């Protein structure tokens, strides 16, 4: 199989998964759930978590909060640069049949900034407080899924955001831990 065929197959799968996920939002309770999760993933939840980290005993919590703020700033720079250069239109703009169930925060789709930050914050917070994984991993997963379900991202946007967020978490851990 040629490289072009592989890319075509990957794109078809991306579109198919995007359409399937978007249909999930046709149920009112599901739509409400993913809207709330996505809105919290805009930053409200993550910045609240960052603000709460210094409440941990000793310097550990303050270091964690500074670490999370640094990762947040770097993540913002990375995803904005990628979006401005790669200019991938959102699925609800490009694909007939995809409904947008929530207004996007910016124009372009690739990568998912929500997912990037959810994965980075989760990785970093759990590096300092491992038991937080019980709460943060399911929430970060729901944030990532919400972006596809709501018609705002392709699955590949979310996957790329997750990979970048993980790299950011691992990379900044090398500086802090």
C-alpha atoms as a PDB file:
ATOM      1  CA  UNK A   1       0.000   0.000   0.000  1.00  0.00           C
ATOM      2  CA  UNK A   2       1.358   3.424  -0.913  1.00  0.00           C
ATOM      3  CA  UNK A   3       1.724   6.335   1.463  1.00  0.00           C
ATOM      4  CA  UNK A   4      -1.115   8.142  -0.313  1.00  0.00           C
ATOM      5  CA  UNK A   5      -3.423   5.150   0.133  1.00  0.00           C
ATOM      6  CA  UNK A   6      -2.531   4.907   3.816  1.00  0.00           C
ATOM      7  CA  UNK A   7      -3.316   8.589   4.309  1.00  0.00           C
ATOM      8  CA  UNK A   8      -6.602   8.243   2.411  1.00  0.00           C
ATOM      9  CA  UNK A   9      -7.604   5.258   4.544  1.00  0.00           C
ATOM     10  CA  UNK A  10      -6.648   7.092   7.739  1.00  0.00           C
ATOM     11  CA  UNK A  11      -8.650  10.137   6.645  1.00  0.00           C
ATOM     12  CA  UNK A  12     -11.714   8.021   5.831  1.00  0.00           C
ATOM     13  CA  UNK A  13     -11.507   6.358   9.243  1.00  0.00           C
ATOM     14  CA  UNK A  14     -11.104   9.766  10.913  1.00  0.00           C
ATOM     15  CA  UNK A  15     -14.230  11.075   9.161  1.00  0.00           C
ATOM     16  CA  UNK A  16     -16.236   7.909   9.895  1.00  0.00           C
ATOM     17  CA  UNK A  17     -15.344   8.010  13.605  1.00  0.00           C
ATOM     18  CA  UNK A  18     -16.115  11.724  13.729  1.00  0.00           C
ATOM     19  CA  UNK A  19     -19.587  11.140  12.276  1.00  0.00           C
ATOM     20  CA  UNK A  20     -20.310   8.256  14.648  1.00  0.00           C
ATOM     21  CA  UNK A  21     -19.222  10.245  17.694  1.00  0.00           C
ATOM     22  CA  UNK A  22     -21.236  13.289  16.637  1.00  0.00           C
ATOM     23  CA  UNK A  23     -24.413  11.188  16.506  1.00  0.00           C
ATOM     24  CA  UNK A  24     -24.000  10.422  20.215  1.00  0.00           C
ATOM     25  CA  UNK A  25     -24.834  14.064  20.967  1.00  0.00           C
ATOM     26  CA  UNK A  26     -28.337  13.650  19.547  1.00  0.00           C
ATOM     27  CA  UNK A  27     -29.431  12.367  22.975  1.00  0.00           C
ATOM     28  CA  UNK A  28     -30.238  15.313  25.270  1.00  0.00           C
ATOM     29  CA  UNK A  29     -28.675  13.935  28.485  1.00  0.00           C
ATOM     30  CA  UNK A  30     -25.522  12.957  26.592  1.00  0.00           C
ATOM     31  CA  UNK A  31     -25.339  16.349  24.907  1.00  0.00           C
ATOM     32  CA  UNK A  32     -25.705  18.143  28.255  1.00  0.00           C
ATOM     33  CA  UNK A  33     -23.004  15.978  29.824  1.00  0.00           C
ATOM     34  CA  UNK A  34     -20.479  16.613  27.046  1.00  0.00           C
ATOM     35  CA  UNK A  35     -21.259  20.343  26.928  1.00  0.00           C
ATOM     36  CA  UNK A  36     -20.589  20.670  30.655  1.00  0.00           C
ATOM     37  CA  UNK A  37     -17.402  18.595  30.435  1.00  0.00           C
ATOM     38  CA  UNK A  38     -16.169  20.605  27.456  1.00  0.00           C
ATOM     39  CA  UNK A  39     -16.910  23.925  29.169  1.00  0.00           C
ATOM     40  CA  UNK A  40     -15.041  22.803  32.286  1.00  0.00           C
ATOM     41  CA  UNK A  41     -12.196  21.726  29.981  1.00  0.00           C
ATOM     42  CA  UNK A  42     -12.009  25.299  28.616  1.00  0.00           C
ATOM     43  CA  UNK A  43      -9.785  25.947  31.602  1.00  0.00           C
ATOM     44  CA  UNK A  44     -12.138  26.379  34.555  1.00  0.00           C
ATOM     45  CA  UNK A  45     -11.431  22.936  35.976  1.00  0.00           C
ATOM     46  CA  UNK A  46      -7.686  22.933  35.230  1.00  0.00           C
ATOM     47  CA  UNK A  47      -7.006  26.399  36.622  1.00  0.00           C
ATOM     48  CA  UNK A  48      -9.056  25.598  39.724  1.00  0.00           C
ATOM     49  CA  UNK A  49      -6.956  22.470  40.189  1.00  0.00           C
ATOM     50  CA  UNK A  50      -3.782  24.515  39.719  1.00  0.00           C
ATOM     51  CA  UNK A  51      -4.966  27.048  42.302  1.00  0.00           C
ATOM     52  CA  UNK A  52      -5.722  24.225  44.750  1.00  0.00           C
ATOM     53  CA  UNK A  53      -2.315  22.535  44.405  1.00  0.00           C
ATOM     54  CA  UNK A  54      -0.523  24.925  46.821  1.00  0.00           C
ATOM     55  CA  UNK A  55      -2.937  23.762  49.521  1.00  0.00           C
ATOM     56  CA  UNK A  56      -0.961  20.523  49.585  1.00  0.00           C
ATOM     57  CA  UNK A  57       1.438  20.290  52.519  1.00  0.00           C
ATOM     58  CA  UNK A  58       4.892  21.890  52.107  1.00  0.00           C
ATOM     59  CA  UNK A  59       6.556  23.309  49.017  1.00  0.00           C
ATOM     60  CA  UNK A  60       5.384  20.361  46.952  1.00  0.00           C
ATOM     61  CA  UNK A  61       2.020  21.956  46.131  1.00  0.00           C
ATOM     62  CA  UNK A  62       3.432  25.331  45.169  1.00  0.00           C
ATOM     63  CA  UNK A  63       5.975  23.633  42.892  1.00  0.00           C
ATOM     64  CA  UNK A  64       3.170  21.631  41.295  1.00  0.00           C
ATOM     65  CA  UNK A  65       1.132  24.791  40.639  1.00  0.00           C
ATOM     66  CA  UNK A  66       4.119  26.597  39.077  1.00  0.00           C
ATOM     67  CA  UNK A  67       4.841  23.493  37.001  1.00  0.00           C
ATOM     68  CA  UNK A  68       1.232  23.380  35.767  1.00  0.00           C
ATOM     69  CA  UNK A  69       1.223  27.095  34.899  1.00  0.00           C
ATOM     70  CA  UNK A  70       4.441  26.725  32.916  1.00  0.00           C
ATOM     71  CA  UNK A  71       3.055  23.736  31.030  1.00  0.00           C
ATOM     72  CA  UNK A  72      -0.163  25.643  30.352  1.00  0.00           C
ATOM     73  CA  UNK A  73       1.716  28.558  28.813  1.00  0.00           C
ATOM     74  CA  UNK A  74       3.899  26.286  26.704  1.00  0.00           C
ATOM     75  CA  UNK A  75       0.854  24.295  25.610  1.00  0.00           C
ATOM     76  CA  UNK A  76      -0.921  27.466  24.551  1.00  0.00           C
ATOM     77  CA  UNK A  77       2.070  28.579  22.469  1.00  0.00           C
ATOM     78  CA  UNK A  78       2.445  25.174  20.834  1.00  0.00           C
ATOM     79  CA  UNK A  79      -1.160  24.622  19.887  1.00  0.00           C
ATOM     80  CA  UNK A  80      -1.695  28.186  18.641  1.00  0.00           C
ATOM     81  CA  UNK A  81       1.382  27.945  16.411  1.00  0.00           C
ATOM     82  CA  UNK A  82       0.217  24.627  15.005  1.00  0.00           C
ATOM     83  CA  UNK A  83      -3.326  25.853  14.393  1.00  0.00           C
ATOM     84  CA  UNK A  84      -2.095  28.979  12.609  1.00  0.00           C
ATOM     85  CA  UNK A  85       0.247  26.980  10.367  1.00  0.00           C
ATOM     86  CA  UNK A  86      -1.842  23.880   9.655  1.00  0.00           C
ATOM     87  CA  UNK A  87      -5.239  25.634   9.273  1.00  0.00           C
ATOM     88  CA  UNK A  88      -7.436  22.525   9.331  1.00  0.00           C
ATOM     89  CA  UNK A  89     -11.090  23.519   9.272  1.00  0.00           C
ATOM     90  CA  UNK A  90     -13.310  22.034  11.943  1.00  0.00           C
ATOM     91  CA  UNK A  91     -15.450  19.009  11.056  1.00  0.00           C
ATOM     92  CA  UNK A  92     -18.755  20.887  11.289  1.00  0.00           C
ATOM     93  CA  UNK A  93     -17.407  23.315   8.656  1.00  0.00           C
ATOM     94  CA  UNK A  94     -16.066  20.684   6.237  1.00  0.00           C
ATOM     95  CA  UNK A  95     -18.414  17.739   6.602  1.00  0.00           C
ATOM     96  CA  UNK A  96     -22.089  17.628   5.736  1.00  0.00           C
ATOM     97  CA  UNK A  97     -23.940  15.858   8.511  1.00  0.00           C
ATOM     98  CA  UNK A  98     -21.708  17.004  11.372  1.00  0.00           C
ATOM     99  CA  UNK A  99     -23.521  19.259  13.777  1.00  0.00           C
ATOM    100  CA  UNK A 100     -21.738  21.782  15.948  1.00  0.00           C
ATOM    101  CA  UNK A 101     -23.244  21.531  19.406  1.00  0.00           C
ATOM    102  CA  UNK A 102     -21.084  24.195  21.036  1.00  0.00           C
ATOM    103  CA  UNK A 103     -19.345  27.295  19.661  1.00  0.00           C
ATOM    104  CA  UNK A 104     -15.601  26.811  19.140  1.00  0.00           C
ATOM    105  CA  UNK A 105     -13.095  28.994  20.971  1.00  0.00           C
ATOM    106  CA  UNK A 106     -11.077  29.545  17.796  1.00  0.00           C
ATOM    107  CA  UNK A 107     -11.313  28.805  14.084  1.00  0.00           C
ATOM    108  CA  UNK A 108      -9.139  25.800  13.387  1.00  0.00           C
ATOM    109  CA  UNK A 109      -9.255  22.216  14.477  1.00  0.00           C
ATOM    110  CA  UNK A 110      -5.763  20.691  14.608  1.00  0.00           C
ATOM    111  CA  UNK A 111      -4.639  19.932  17.303  1.00  0.00           C
ATOM    112  CA  UNK A 112      -7.196  19.897  20.095  1.00  0.00           C
ATOM    113  CA  UNK A 113      -6.034  22.409  22.694  1.00  0.00           C
ATOM    114  CA  UNK A 114      -8.587  21.092  25.201  1.00  0.00           C
ATOM    115  CA  UNK A 115      -7.110  17.609  24.942  1.00  0.00           C
ATOM    116  CA  UNK A 116      -3.516  18.863  24.973  1.00  0.00           C
ATOM    117  CA  UNK A 117      -4.116  20.715  28.232  1.00  0.00           C
ATOM    118  CA  UNK A 118      -6.244  17.946  29.773  1.00  0.00           C
ATOM    119  CA  UNK A 119      -3.498  15.376  29.231  1.00  0.00           C
ATOM    120  CA  UNK A 120      -0.660  17.699  30.292  1.00  0.00           C
ATOM    121  CA  UNK A 121      -2.441  18.859  33.478  1.00  0.00           C
ATOM    122  CA  UNK A 122      -3.493  15.304  34.339  1.00  0.00           C
ATOM    123  CA  UNK A 123       0.011  13.920  33.846  1.00  0.00           C
ATOM    124  CA  UNK A 124       1.637  16.682  35.882  1.00  0.00           C
ATOM    125  CA  UNK A 125      -0.915  16.698  38.719  1.00  0.00           C
ATOM    126  CA  UNK A 126      -0.710  12.902  39.024  1.00  0.00           C
ATOM    127  CA  UNK A 127       3.080  13.108  39.114  1.00  0.00           C
ATOM    128  CA  UNK A 128       2.752  15.060  42.356  1.00  0.00           C
ATOM    129  CA  UNK A 129      -0.415  13.463  43.752  1.00  0.00           C
ATOM    130  CA  UNK A 130      -0.837   9.968  42.245  1.00  0.00           C
ATOM    131  CA  UNK A 131      -4.263   9.290  43.772  1.00  0.00           C
ATOM    132  CA  UNK A 132      -5.692  12.164  41.688  1.00  0.00           C
ATOM    133  CA  UNK A 133      -5.556   9.790  38.704  1.00  0.00           C
ATOM    134  CA  UNK A 134      -8.817   8.225  39.913  1.00  0.00           C
ATOM    135  CA  UNK A 135     -10.558  11.552  39.207  1.00  0.00           C
ATOM    136  CA  UNK A 136      -8.425  13.177  36.537  1.00  0.00           C
ATOM    137  CA  UNK A 137      -7.946  10.364  34.020  1.00  0.00           C
ATOM    138  CA  UNK A 138     -11.696   9.810  33.482  1.00  0.00           C
ATOM    139  CA  UNK A 139     -12.301  13.566  33.361  1.00  0.00           C
ATOM    140  CA  UNK A 140      -9.496  14.182  30.845  1.00  0.00           C
ATOM    141  CA  UNK A 141     -10.822  11.302  28.736  1.00  0.00           C
ATOM    142  CA  UNK A 142     -14.316  12.813  28.810  1.00  0.00           C
ATOM    143  CA  UNK A 143     -12.910  16.214  27.774  1.00  0.00           C
ATOM    144  CA  UNK A 144     -11.147  14.607  24.798  1.00  0.00           C
ATOM    145  CA  UNK A 145     -14.273  12.689  23.760  1.00  0.00           C
ATOM    146  CA  UNK A 146     -16.444  15.776  24.151  1.00  0.00           C
ATOM    147  CA  UNK A 147     -14.522  17.604  21.463  1.00  0.00           C
ATOM    148  CA  UNK A 148     -15.354  14.961  18.853  1.00  0.00           C
ATOM    149  CA  UNK A 149     -18.909  14.341  20.065  1.00  0.00           C
ATOM    150  CA  UNK A 150     -19.703  18.074  19.908  1.00  0.00           C
ATOM    151  CA  UNK A 151     -18.486  18.291  16.279  1.00  0.00           C
ATOM    152  CA  UNK A 152     -15.514  20.503  17.078  1.00  0.00           C
ATOM    153  CA  UNK A 153     -12.648  18.092  16.326  1.00  0.00           C
ATOM    154  CA  UNK A 154     -11.713  15.026  14.356  1.00  0.00           C
ATOM    155  CA  UNK A 155     -10.405  12.055  16.353  1.00  0.00           C
ATOM    156  CA  UNK A 156      -6.946  12.716  14.883  1.00  0.00           C
ATOM    157  CA  UNK A 157      -7.029  16.274  16.325  1.00  0.00           C
ATOM    158  CA  UNK A 158      -7.717  14.796  19.744  1.00  0.00           C
ATOM    159  CA  UNK A 159      -5.040  12.113  19.345  1.00  0.00           C
ATOM    160  CA  UNK A 160      -2.475  14.733  18.325  1.00  0.00           C
ATOM    161  CA  UNK A 161      -3.473  16.940  21.263  1.00  0.00           C
ATOM    162  CA  UNK A 162      -3.059  13.968  23.607  1.00  0.00           C
ATOM    163  CA  UNK A 163       0.395  13.134  22.250  1.00  0.00           C
ATOM    164  CA  UNK A 164       1.545  16.753  22.506  1.00  0.00           C
ATOM    165  CA  UNK A 165       0.063  17.065  26.001  1.00  0.00           C
ATOM    166  CA  UNK A 166       1.817  13.895  27.125  1.00  0.00           C
ATOM    167  CA  UNK A 167       5.119  15.101  25.633  1.00  0.00           C
ATOM    168  CA  UNK A 168       4.639  18.415  27.422  1.00  0.00           C
ATOM    169  CA  UNK A 169       3.928  16.666  30.720  1.00  0.00           C
ATOM    170  CA  UNK A 170       6.909  14.332  30.388  1.00  0.00           C
ATOM    171  CA  UNK A 171       9.205  17.110  29.155  1.00  0.00           C
ATOM    172  CA  UNK A 172       8.341  19.550  31.919  1.00  0.00           C
ATOM    173  CA  UNK A 173       8.624  16.741  34.501  1.00  0.00           C
ATOM    174  CA  UNK A 174      12.275  16.462  33.503  1.00  0.00           C
ATOM    175  CA  UNK A 175      12.689  20.092  34.602  1.00  0.00           C
ATOM    176  CA  UNK A 176      10.708  19.903  37.830  1.00  0.00           C
ATOM    177  CA  UNK A 177      10.970  16.389  39.217  1.00  0.00           C
END
